[in-house]
PDB file of all heavy atoms in Angstrom:
ATOM      1  N   GLU A   1      -7.574   0.396  -6.515  1.00  0.00           N
ATOM      2  CA  GLU A   1      -7.894  -0.983  -6.160  1.00  0.00           C
ATOM      3  C   GLU A   1      -6.709  -1.899  -6.454  1.00  0.00           C
ATOM      4  O   GLU A   1      -6.452  -2.856  -5.692  1.00  0.00           O
ATOM      5  CB  GLU A   1      -9.139  -1.422  -6.914  1.00  0.00           C
ATOM      6  CG  GLU A   1     -10.404  -0.729  -6.401  1.00  0.00           C
ATOM      7  CD  GLU A   1     -11.556  -0.775  -7.374  1.00  0.00           C
ATOM      8  OE1 GLU A   1     -11.402  -1.372  -8.459  1.00  0.00           O
ATOM      9  OE2 GLU A   1     -12.608  -0.203  -7.063  1.00  0.00           O
ATOM     10  N   PHE A   2      -5.976  -1.628  -7.530  1.00  0.00           N
ATOM     11  CA  PHE A   2      -4.742  -2.365  -7.816  1.00  0.00           C
ATOM     12  C   PHE A   2      -3.754  -2.175  -6.670  1.00  0.00           C
ATOM     13  O   PHE A   2      -3.138  -3.140  -6.191  1.00  0.00           O
ATOM     14  CB  PHE A   2      -4.149  -1.883  -9.134  1.00  0.00           C
ATOM     15  CG  PHE A   2      -2.741  -2.339  -9.397  1.00  0.00           C
ATOM     16  CD1 PHE A   2      -2.466  -3.632  -9.832  1.00  0.00           C
ATOM     17  CD2 PHE A   2      -1.672  -1.472  -9.216  1.00  0.00           C
ATOM     18  CE1 PHE A   2      -1.167  -4.053 -10.077  1.00  0.00           C
ATOM     19  CE2 PHE A   2      -0.360  -1.876  -9.457  1.00  0.00           C
ATOM     20  CZ  PHE A   2      -0.114  -3.173  -9.880  1.00  0.00           C
ATOM     21  N   LEU A   3      -3.590  -0.935  -6.217  1.00  0.00           N
ATOM     22  CA  LEU A   3      -2.689  -0.654  -5.103  1.00  0.00           C
ATOM     23  C   LEU A   3      -3.100  -1.456  -3.861  1.00  0.00           C
ATOM     24  O   LEU A   3      -2.247  -2.039  -3.183  1.00  0.00           O
ATOM     25  CB  LEU A   3      -2.710   0.850  -4.788  1.00  0.00           C
ATOM     26  CG  LEU A   3      -1.913   1.300  -3.570  1.00  0.00           C
ATOM     27  CD1 LEU A   3      -0.413   1.149  -3.828  1.00  0.00           C
ATOM     28  CD2 LEU A   3      -2.246   2.747  -3.219  1.00  0.00           C
ATOM     29  N   HIS A   4      -4.376  -1.499  -3.589  1.00  0.00           N
ATOM     30  CA  HIS A   4      -4.879  -2.245  -2.427  1.00  0.00           C
ATOM     31  C   HIS A   4      -4.499  -3.724  -2.532  1.00  0.00           C
ATOM     32  O   HIS A   4      -4.007  -4.325  -1.560  1.00  0.00           O
ATOM     33  CB  HIS A   4      -6.398  -2.090  -2.351  1.00  0.00           C
ATOM     34  CG  HIS A   4      -7.019  -2.650  -1.111  1.00  0.00           C
ATOM     35  ND1 HIS A   4      -7.089  -4.004  -0.855  1.00  0.00           N
ATOM     36  CD2 HIS A   4      -7.592  -2.034  -0.052  1.00  0.00           C
ATOM     37  CE1 HIS A   4      -7.675  -4.204   0.305  1.00  0.00           C
ATOM     38  NE2 HIS A   4      -7.994  -3.025   0.819  1.00  0.00           N
ATOM     39  N   ARG A   5      -4.674  -4.310  -3.723  1.00  0.00           N
ATOM     40  CA  ARG A   5      -4.363  -5.731  -3.880  1.00  0.00           C
ATOM     41  C   ARG A   5      -2.863  -5.986  -3.793  1.00  0.00           C
ATOM     42  O   ARG A   5      -2.418  -6.985  -3.213  1.00  0.00           O
ATOM     43  CB  ARG A   5      -4.912  -6.238  -5.222  1.00  0.00           C
ATOM     44  CG  ARG A   5      -6.438  -6.186  -5.312  1.00  0.00           C
ATOM     45  CD  ARG A   5      -6.966  -6.988  -6.484  1.00  0.00           C
ATOM     46  NE  ARG A   5      -6.494  -6.541  -7.783  1.00  0.00           N
ATOM     47  CZ  ARG A   5      -7.061  -5.560  -8.501  1.00  0.00           C
ATOM     48  NH1 ARG A   5      -8.118  -4.903  -8.026  1.00  0.00           N
ATOM     49  NH2 ARG A   5      -6.586  -5.244  -9.693  1.00  0.00           N
ATOM     50  N   VAL A   6      -2.073  -5.077  -4.350  1.00  0.00           N
ATOM     51  CA  VAL A   6      -0.617  -5.227  -4.300  1.00  0.00           C
ATOM     52  C   VAL A   6      -0.116  -5.158  -2.863  1.00  0.00           C
ATOM     53  O   VAL A   6       0.675  -5.998  -2.414  1.00  0.00           O
ATOM     54  CB  VAL A   6       0.074  -4.151  -5.170  1.00  0.00           C
ATOM     55  CG1 VAL A   6       1.546  -4.031  -4.813  1.00  0.00           C
ATOM     56  CG2 VAL A   6      -0.072  -4.478  -6.645  1.00  0.00           C
ATOM     57  N   VAL A   7      -0.563  -4.146  -2.132  1.00  0.00           N
ATOM     58  CA  VAL A   7      -0.099  -3.988  -0.741  1.00  0.00           C
ATOM     59  C   VAL A   7      -0.539  -5.173   0.104  1.00  0.00           C
ATOM     60  O   VAL A   7       0.236  -5.689   0.920  1.00  0.00           O
ATOM     61  CB  VAL A   7      -0.613  -2.658  -0.154  1.00  0.00           C
ATOM     62  CG1 VAL A   7      -0.306  -2.573   1.336  1.00  0.00           C
ATOM     63  CG2 VAL A   7       0.023  -1.474  -0.886  1.00  0.00           C
ATOM     64  N   THR A   8      -1.750  -5.637  -0.089  1.00  0.00           N
ATOM     65  CA  THR A   8      -2.227  -6.813   0.654  1.00  0.00           C
ATOM     66  C   THR A   8      -1.350  -8.021   0.356  1.00  0.00           C
ATOM     67  O   THR A   8      -0.945  -8.759   1.274  1.00  0.00           O
ATOM     68  CB  THR A   8      -3.692  -7.111   0.292  1.00  0.00           C
ATOM     69  OG1 THR A   8      -4.506  -5.986   0.631  1.00  0.00           O
ATOM     70  CG2 THR A   8      -4.186  -8.348   1.023  1.00  0.00           C
ATOM     71  N   TYR A   9      -1.046  -8.240  -0.925  1.00  0.00           N
ATOM     72  CA  TYR A   9      -0.174  -9.360  -1.308  1.00  0.00           C
ATOM     73  C   TYR A   9       1.193  -9.221  -0.627  1.00  0.00           C
ATOM     74  O   TYR A   9       1.737 -10.199  -0.080  1.00  0.00           O
ATOM     75  CB  TYR A   9      -0.002  -9.388  -2.828  1.00  0.00           C
ATOM     76  CG  TYR A   9       0.999 -10.419  -3.311  1.00  0.00           C
ATOM     77  CD1 TYR A   9       0.597 -11.704  -3.648  1.00  0.00           C
ATOM     78  CD2 TYR A   9       2.367 -10.112  -3.399  1.00  0.00           C
ATOM     79  CE1 TYR A   9       1.525 -12.658  -4.074  1.00  0.00           C
ATOM     80  CE2 TYR A   9       3.292 -11.055  -3.807  1.00  0.00           C
ATOM     81  CZ  TYR A   9       2.862 -12.327  -4.149  1.00  0.00           C
ATOM     82  OH  TYR A   9       3.777 -13.263  -4.556  1.00  0.00           O
ATOM     83  N   LEU A  10       1.760  -8.023  -0.658  1.00  0.00           N
ATOM     84  CA  LEU A  10       3.110  -7.816  -0.134  1.00  0.00           C
ATOM     85  C   LEU A  10       3.161  -8.041   1.378  1.00  0.00           C
ATOM     86  O   LEU A  10       4.103  -8.670   1.883  1.00  0.00           O
ATOM     87  CB  LEU A  10       3.582  -6.406  -0.481  1.00  0.00           C
ATOM     88  CG  LEU A  10       3.896  -6.177  -1.962  1.00  0.00           C
ATOM     89  CD1 LEU A  10       4.047  -4.683  -2.262  1.00  0.00           C
ATOM     90  CD2 LEU A  10       5.160  -6.930  -2.360  1.00  0.00           C
ATOM     91  N   VAL A  11       2.186  -7.527   2.092  1.00  0.00           N
ATOM     92  CA  VAL A  11       2.174  -7.738   3.540  1.00  0.00           C
ATOM     93  C   VAL A  11       2.061  -9.230   3.852  1.00  0.00           C
ATOM     94  O   VAL A  11       2.774  -9.755   4.716  1.00  0.00           O
ATOM     95  CB  VAL A  11       1.027  -6.957   4.202  1.00  0.00           C
ATOM     96  CG1 VAL A  11       0.948  -7.280   5.694  1.00  0.00           C
ATOM     97  CG2 VAL A  11       1.229  -5.454   4.018  1.00  0.00           C
ATOM     98  N   ASN A  12       1.208  -9.922   3.134  1.00  0.00           N
ATOM     99  CA  ASN A  12       1.067 -11.358   3.350  1.00  0.00           C
ATOM    100  C   ASN A  12       2.326 -12.123   2.948  1.00  0.00           C
ATOM    101  O   ASN A  12       2.557 -13.243   3.439  1.00  0.00           O
ATOM    102  CB  ASN A  12      -0.140 -11.891   2.586  1.00  0.00           C
ATOM    103  CG  ASN A  12      -1.458 -11.425   3.180  1.00  0.00           C
ATOM    104  OD1 ASN A  12      -1.537 -11.168   4.384  1.00  0.00           O
ATOM    105  ND2 ASN A  12      -2.490 -11.306   2.357  1.00  0.00           N
ATOM    106  N   ALA A  13       3.141 -11.519   2.068  1.00  0.00           N
ATOM    107  CA  ALA A  13       4.409 -12.129   1.661  1.00  0.00           C
ATOM    108  C   ALA A  13       5.546 -11.782   2.620  1.00  0.00           C
ATOM    109  O   ALA A  13       6.677 -12.224   2.420  1.00  0.00           O
ATOM    110  CB  ALA A  13       4.785 -11.679   0.244  1.00  0.00           C
ATOM    111  N   GLY A  14       5.260 -10.980   3.647  1.00  0.00           N
ATOM    112  CA  GLY A  14       6.253 -10.669   4.667  1.00  0.00           C
ATOM    113  C   GLY A  14       6.881  -9.307   4.575  1.00  0.00           C
ATOM    114  O   GLY A  14       7.748  -8.970   5.397  1.00  0.00           O
ATOM    115  N   VAL A  15       6.491  -8.488   3.614  1.00  0.00           N
ATOM    116  CA  VAL A  15       7.061  -7.144   3.480  1.00  0.00           C
ATOM    117  C   VAL A  15       6.456  -6.237   4.539  1.00  0.00           C
ATOM    118  O   VAL A  15       5.239  -6.234   4.748  1.00  0.00           O
ATOM    119  CB  VAL A  15       6.820  -6.570   2.074  1.00  0.00           C
ATOM    120  CG1 VAL A  15       7.336  -5.145   1.971  1.00  0.00           C
ATOM    121  CG2 VAL A  15       7.487  -7.453   1.025  1.00  0.00           C
ATOM    122  N   ARG A  16       7.324  -5.450   5.174  1.00  0.00           N
ATOM    123  CA  ARG A  16       6.862  -4.545   6.230  1.00  0.00           C
ATOM    124  C   ARG A  16       7.278  -3.093   5.972  1.00  0.00           C
ATOM    125  O   ARG A  16       7.006  -2.224   6.804  1.00  0.00           O
ATOM    126  CB  ARG A  16       7.426  -4.988   7.593  1.00  0.00           C
ATOM    127  CG  ARG A  16       7.024  -6.402   8.001  1.00  0.00           C
ATOM    128  CD  ARG A  16       5.536  -6.470   8.308  1.00  0.00           C
ATOM    129  NE  ARG A  16       5.112  -7.810   8.731  1.00  0.00           N
ATOM    130  CZ  ARG A  16       4.560  -8.702   7.916  1.00  0.00           C
ATOM    131  NH1 ARG A  16       4.376  -8.417   6.621  1.00  0.00           N
ATOM    132  NH2 ARG A  16       4.189  -9.885   8.362  1.00  0.00           N
ATOM    133  N   GLN A  17       7.934  -2.826   4.836  1.00  0.00           N
ATOM    134  CA  GLN A  17       8.435  -1.487   4.536  1.00  0.00           C
ATOM    135  C   GLN A  17       7.999  -1.084   3.133  1.00  0.00           C
ATOM    136  O   GLN A  17       8.155  -1.862   2.186  1.00  0.00           O
ATOM    137  CB  GLN A  17       9.961  -1.442   4.611  1.00  0.00           C
ATOM    138  CG  GLN A  17      10.545  -1.954   5.922  1.00  0.00           C
ATOM    139  CD  GLN A  17      12.054  -1.815   5.952  1.00  0.00           C
ATOM    140  OE1 GLN A  17      12.596  -0.934   6.596  1.00  0.00           O
ATOM    141  NE2 GLN A  17      12.740  -2.673   5.215  1.00  0.00           N
ATOM    142  N   PHE A  18       7.477   0.150   3.000  1.00  0.00           N
ATOM    143  CA  PHE A  18       6.946   0.615   1.724  1.00  0.00           C
ATOM    144  C   PHE A  18       7.417   2.037   1.445  1.00  0.00           C
ATOM    145  O   PHE A  18       7.406   2.887   2.345  1.00  0.00           O
ATOM    146  CB  PHE A  18       5.418   0.596   1.746  1.00  0.00           C
ATOM    147  CG  PHE A  18       4.821  -0.772   1.949  1.00  0.00           C
ATOM    148  CD1 PHE A  18       4.685  -1.305   3.226  1.00  0.00           C
ATOM    149  CD2 PHE A  18       4.413  -1.528   0.855  1.00  0.00           C
ATOM    150  CE1 PHE A  18       4.139  -2.566   3.417  1.00  0.00           C
ATOM    151  CE2 PHE A  18       3.866  -2.794   1.040  1.00  0.00           C
ATOM    152  CZ  PHE A  18       3.732  -3.314   2.329  1.00  0.00           C
ATOM    153  N   ILE A  19       7.811   2.277   0.208  1.00  0.00           N
ATOM    154  CA  ILE A  19       8.088   3.629  -0.275  1.00  0.00           C
ATOM    155  C   ILE A  19       7.139   3.883  -1.437  1.00  0.00           C
ATOM    156  O   ILE A  19       7.237   3.243  -2.484  1.00  0.00           O
ATOM    157  CB  ILE A  19       9.554   3.801  -0.732  1.00  0.00           C
ATOM    158  CG1 ILE A  19      10.509   3.519   0.430  1.00  0.00           C
ATOM    159  CG2 ILE A  19       9.781   5.215  -1.273  1.00  0.00           C
ATOM    160  CD1 ILE A  19      11.985   3.570   0.032  1.00  0.00           C
ATOM    161  N   ASP A  20       6.209   4.812  -1.235  1.00  0.00           N
ATOM    162  CA  ASP A  20       5.183   5.118  -2.224  1.00  0.00           C
ATOM    163  C   ASP A  20       5.530   6.439  -2.899  1.00  0.00           C
ATOM    164  O   ASP A  20       5.518   7.497  -2.247  1.00  0.00           O
ATOM    165  CB  ASP A  20       3.818   5.200  -1.534  1.00  0.00           C
ATOM    166  CG  ASP A  20       2.689   5.420  -2.528  1.00  0.00           C
ATOM    167  OD1 ASP A  20       2.803   4.939  -3.665  1.00  0.00           O
ATOM    168  OD2 ASP A  20       1.698   6.070  -2.157  1.00  0.00           O
ATOM    169  N   LEU A  21       5.834   6.393  -4.184  1.00  0.00           N
ATOM    170  CA  LEU A  21       6.332   7.553  -4.919  1.00  0.00           C
ATOM    171  C   LEU A  21       5.214   8.213  -5.712  1.00  0.00           C
ATOM    172  O   LEU A  21       4.471   7.541  -6.421  1.00  0.00           O
ATOM    173  CB  LEU A  21       7.466   7.123  -5.854  1.00  0.00           C
ATOM    174  CG  LEU A  21       8.669   6.483  -5.156  1.00  0.00           C
ATOM    175  CD1 LEU A  21       9.576   5.794  -6.172  1.00  0.00           C
ATOM    176  CD2 LEU A  21       9.457   7.531  -4.376  1.00  0.00           C
ATOM    177  N   GLY A  22       5.118   9.548  -5.613  1.00  0.00           N
ATOM    178  CA  GLY A  22       4.032  10.252  -6.266  1.00  0.00           C
ATOM    179  C   GLY A  22       2.710   9.936  -5.602  1.00  0.00           C
ATOM    180  O   GLY A  22       1.724   9.614  -6.262  1.00  0.00           O
ATOM    181  N   SER A  23       2.669  10.058  -4.281  1.00  0.00           N
ATOM    182  CA  SER A  23       1.603   9.470  -3.477  1.00  0.00           C
ATOM    183  C   SER A  23       0.260  10.172  -3.584  1.00  0.00           C
ATOM    184  O   SER A  23      -0.787   9.519  -3.534  1.00  0.00           O
ATOM    185  CB  SER A  23       2.018   9.462  -2.001  1.00  0.00           C
ATOM    186  OG  SER A  23       3.296   8.911  -1.836  1.00  0.00           O
ATOM    187  N   GLY A  24       0.271  11.501  -3.681  1.00  0.00           N
ATOM    188  CA  GLY A  24      -0.982  12.217  -3.556  1.00  0.00           C
ATOM    189  C   GLY A  24      -1.439  12.262  -2.107  1.00  0.00           C
ATOM    190  O   GLY A  24      -0.656  12.033  -1.176  1.00  0.00           O
ATOM    191  N   VAL A  25      -2.718  12.558  -1.896  1.00  0.00           N
ATOM    192  CA  VAL A  25      -3.262  12.645  -0.537  1.00  0.00           C
ATOM    193  C   VAL A  25      -3.403  11.229   0.036  1.00  0.00           C
ATOM    194  O   VAL A  25      -4.041  10.377  -0.587  1.00  0.00           O
ATOM    195  CB  VAL A  25      -4.626  13.356  -0.539  1.00  0.00           C
ATOM    196  CG1 VAL A  25      -5.142  13.507   0.888  1.00  0.00           C
ATOM    197  CG2 VAL A  25      -4.520  14.719  -1.217  1.00  0.00           C
ATOM    198  N   PRO A  26      -2.827  10.962   1.222  1.00  0.00           N
ATOM    199  CA  PRO A  26      -2.837   9.585   1.756  1.00  0.00           C
ATOM    200  C   PRO A  26      -4.155   9.225   2.432  1.00  0.00           C
ATOM    201  O   PRO A  26      -4.234   9.022   3.645  1.00  0.00           O
ATOM    202  CB  PRO A  26      -1.680   9.613   2.756  1.00  0.00           C
ATOM    203  CG  PRO A  26      -1.667  11.029   3.255  1.00  0.00           C
ATOM    204  CD  PRO A  26      -2.063  11.883   2.066  1.00  0.00           C
ATOM    205  N   THR A  27      -5.218   9.131   1.636  1.00  0.00           N
ATOM    206  CA  THR A  27      -6.538   8.796   2.158  1.00  0.00           C
ATOM    207  C   THR A  27      -7.193   7.760   1.254  1.00  0.00           C
ATOM    208  O   THR A  27      -6.649   7.367   0.226  1.00  0.00           O
ATOM    209  CB  THR A  27      -7.443  10.044   2.205  1.00  0.00           C
ATOM    210  OG1 THR A  27      -7.569  10.579   0.878  1.00  0.00           O
ATOM    211  CG2 THR A  27      -6.885  11.101   3.118  1.00  0.00           C
ATOM    212  N   VAL A  28      -8.378   7.351   1.606  1.00  0.00           N
ATOM    213  CA  VAL A  28      -9.240   6.481   0.807  1.00  0.00           C
ATOM    214  C   VAL A  28      -8.513   5.195   0.420  1.00  0.00           C
ATOM    215  O   VAL A  28      -8.331   4.877  -0.743  1.00  0.00           O
ATOM    216  CB  VAL A  28      -9.779   7.209  -0.452  1.00  0.00           C
ATOM    217  CG1 VAL A  28     -10.991   6.453  -1.002  1.00  0.00           C
ATOM    218  CG2 VAL A  28     -10.175   8.643  -0.158  1.00  0.00           C
ATOM    219  N   GLY A  29      -8.050   4.474   1.439  1.00  0.00           N
ATOM    220  CA  GLY A  29      -7.413   3.187   1.189  1.00  0.00           C
ATOM    221  C   GLY A  29      -6.007   3.280   0.655  1.00  0.00           C
ATOM    222  O   GLY A  29      -5.607   2.458  -0.177  1.00  0.00           O
ATOM    223  N   ASN A  30      -5.245   4.269   1.127  1.00  0.00           N
ATOM    224  CA  ASN A  30      -3.864   4.356   0.673  1.00  0.00           C
ATOM    225  C   ASN A  30      -2.981   3.373   1.446  1.00  0.00           C
ATOM    226  O   ASN A  30      -3.473   2.602   2.265  1.00  0.00           O
ATOM    227  CB  ASN A  30      -3.345   5.796   0.776  1.00  0.00           C
ATOM    228  CG  ASN A  30      -2.459   6.183  -0.390  1.00  0.00           C
ATOM    229  OD1 ASN A  30      -1.595   5.421  -0.799  1.00  0.00           O
ATOM    230  ND2 ASN A  30      -2.680   7.367  -0.939  1.00  0.00           N
ATOM    231  N   VAL A  31      -1.662   3.430   1.191  1.00  0.00           N
ATOM    232  CA  VAL A  31      -0.773   2.340   1.587  1.00  0.00           C
ATOM    233  C   VAL A  31      -0.800   2.061   3.086  1.00  0.00           C
ATOM    234  O   VAL A  31      -0.937   0.911   3.518  1.00  0.00           O
ATOM    235  CB  VAL A  31       0.670   2.628   1.116  1.00  0.00           C
ATOM    236  CG1 VAL A  31       1.598   1.485   1.525  1.00  0.00           C
ATOM    237  CG2 VAL A  31       0.707   2.841  -0.384  1.00  0.00           C
ATOM    238  N   HIS A  32      -0.640   3.092   3.905  1.00  0.00           N
ATOM    239  CA  HIS A  32      -0.562   2.840   5.356  1.00  0.00           C
ATOM    240  C   HIS A  32      -1.872   2.287   5.893  1.00  0.00           C
ATOM    241  O   HIS A  32      -1.865   1.455   6.811  1.00  0.00           O
ATOM    242  CB  HIS A  32      -0.150   4.110   6.103  1.00  0.00           C
ATOM    243  CG  HIS A  32      -1.225   5.134   6.244  1.00  0.00           C
ATOM    244  ND1 HIS A  32      -1.657   5.913   5.191  1.00  0.00           N
ATOM    245  CD2 HIS A  32      -1.986   5.504   7.319  1.00  0.00           C
ATOM    246  CE1 HIS A  32      -2.608   6.734   5.608  1.00  0.00           C
ATOM    247  NE2 HIS A  32      -2.836   6.498   6.880  1.00  0.00           N
ATOM    248  N   GLU A  33      -2.996   2.733   5.331  1.00  0.00           N
ATOM    249  CA  GLU A  33      -4.289   2.243   5.791  1.00  0.00           C
ATOM    250  C   GLU A  33      -4.445   0.751   5.505  1.00  0.00           C
ATOM    251  O   GLU A  33      -4.948  -0.002   6.346  1.00  0.00           O
ATOM    252  CB  GLU A  33      -5.411   3.037   5.128  1.00  0.00           C
ATOM    253  CG  GLU A  33      -5.437   4.513   5.530  1.00  0.00           C
ATOM    254  CD  GLU A  33      -6.506   5.302   4.807  1.00  0.00           C
ATOM    255  OE1 GLU A  33      -6.768   5.021   3.627  1.00  0.00           O
ATOM    256  OE2 GLU A  33      -7.059   6.213   5.430  1.00  0.00           O
ATOM    257  N   VAL A  34      -3.999   0.331   4.334  1.00  0.00           N
ATOM    258  CA  VAL A  34      -4.112  -1.074   3.966  1.00  0.00           C
ATOM    259  C   VAL A  34      -3.104  -1.919   4.738  1.00  0.00           C
ATOM    260  O   VAL A  34      -3.461  -2.915   5.386  1.00  0.00           O
ATOM    261  CB  VAL A  34      -3.910  -1.257   2.445  1.00  0.00           C
ATOM    262  CG1 VAL A  34      -3.964  -2.739   2.074  1.00  0.00           C
ATOM    263  CG2 VAL A  34      -4.949  -0.472   1.656  1.00  0.00           C
TER     264      VAL A  34
END
């Protein structure tokens, strides 16, 4: 849920590029989905 709020903040701040380190399985509200 912290990740969800951070990514939402960043996109609204104009960020369009993300590098997610130690990602795990990219499901259940992961970075690209948000």
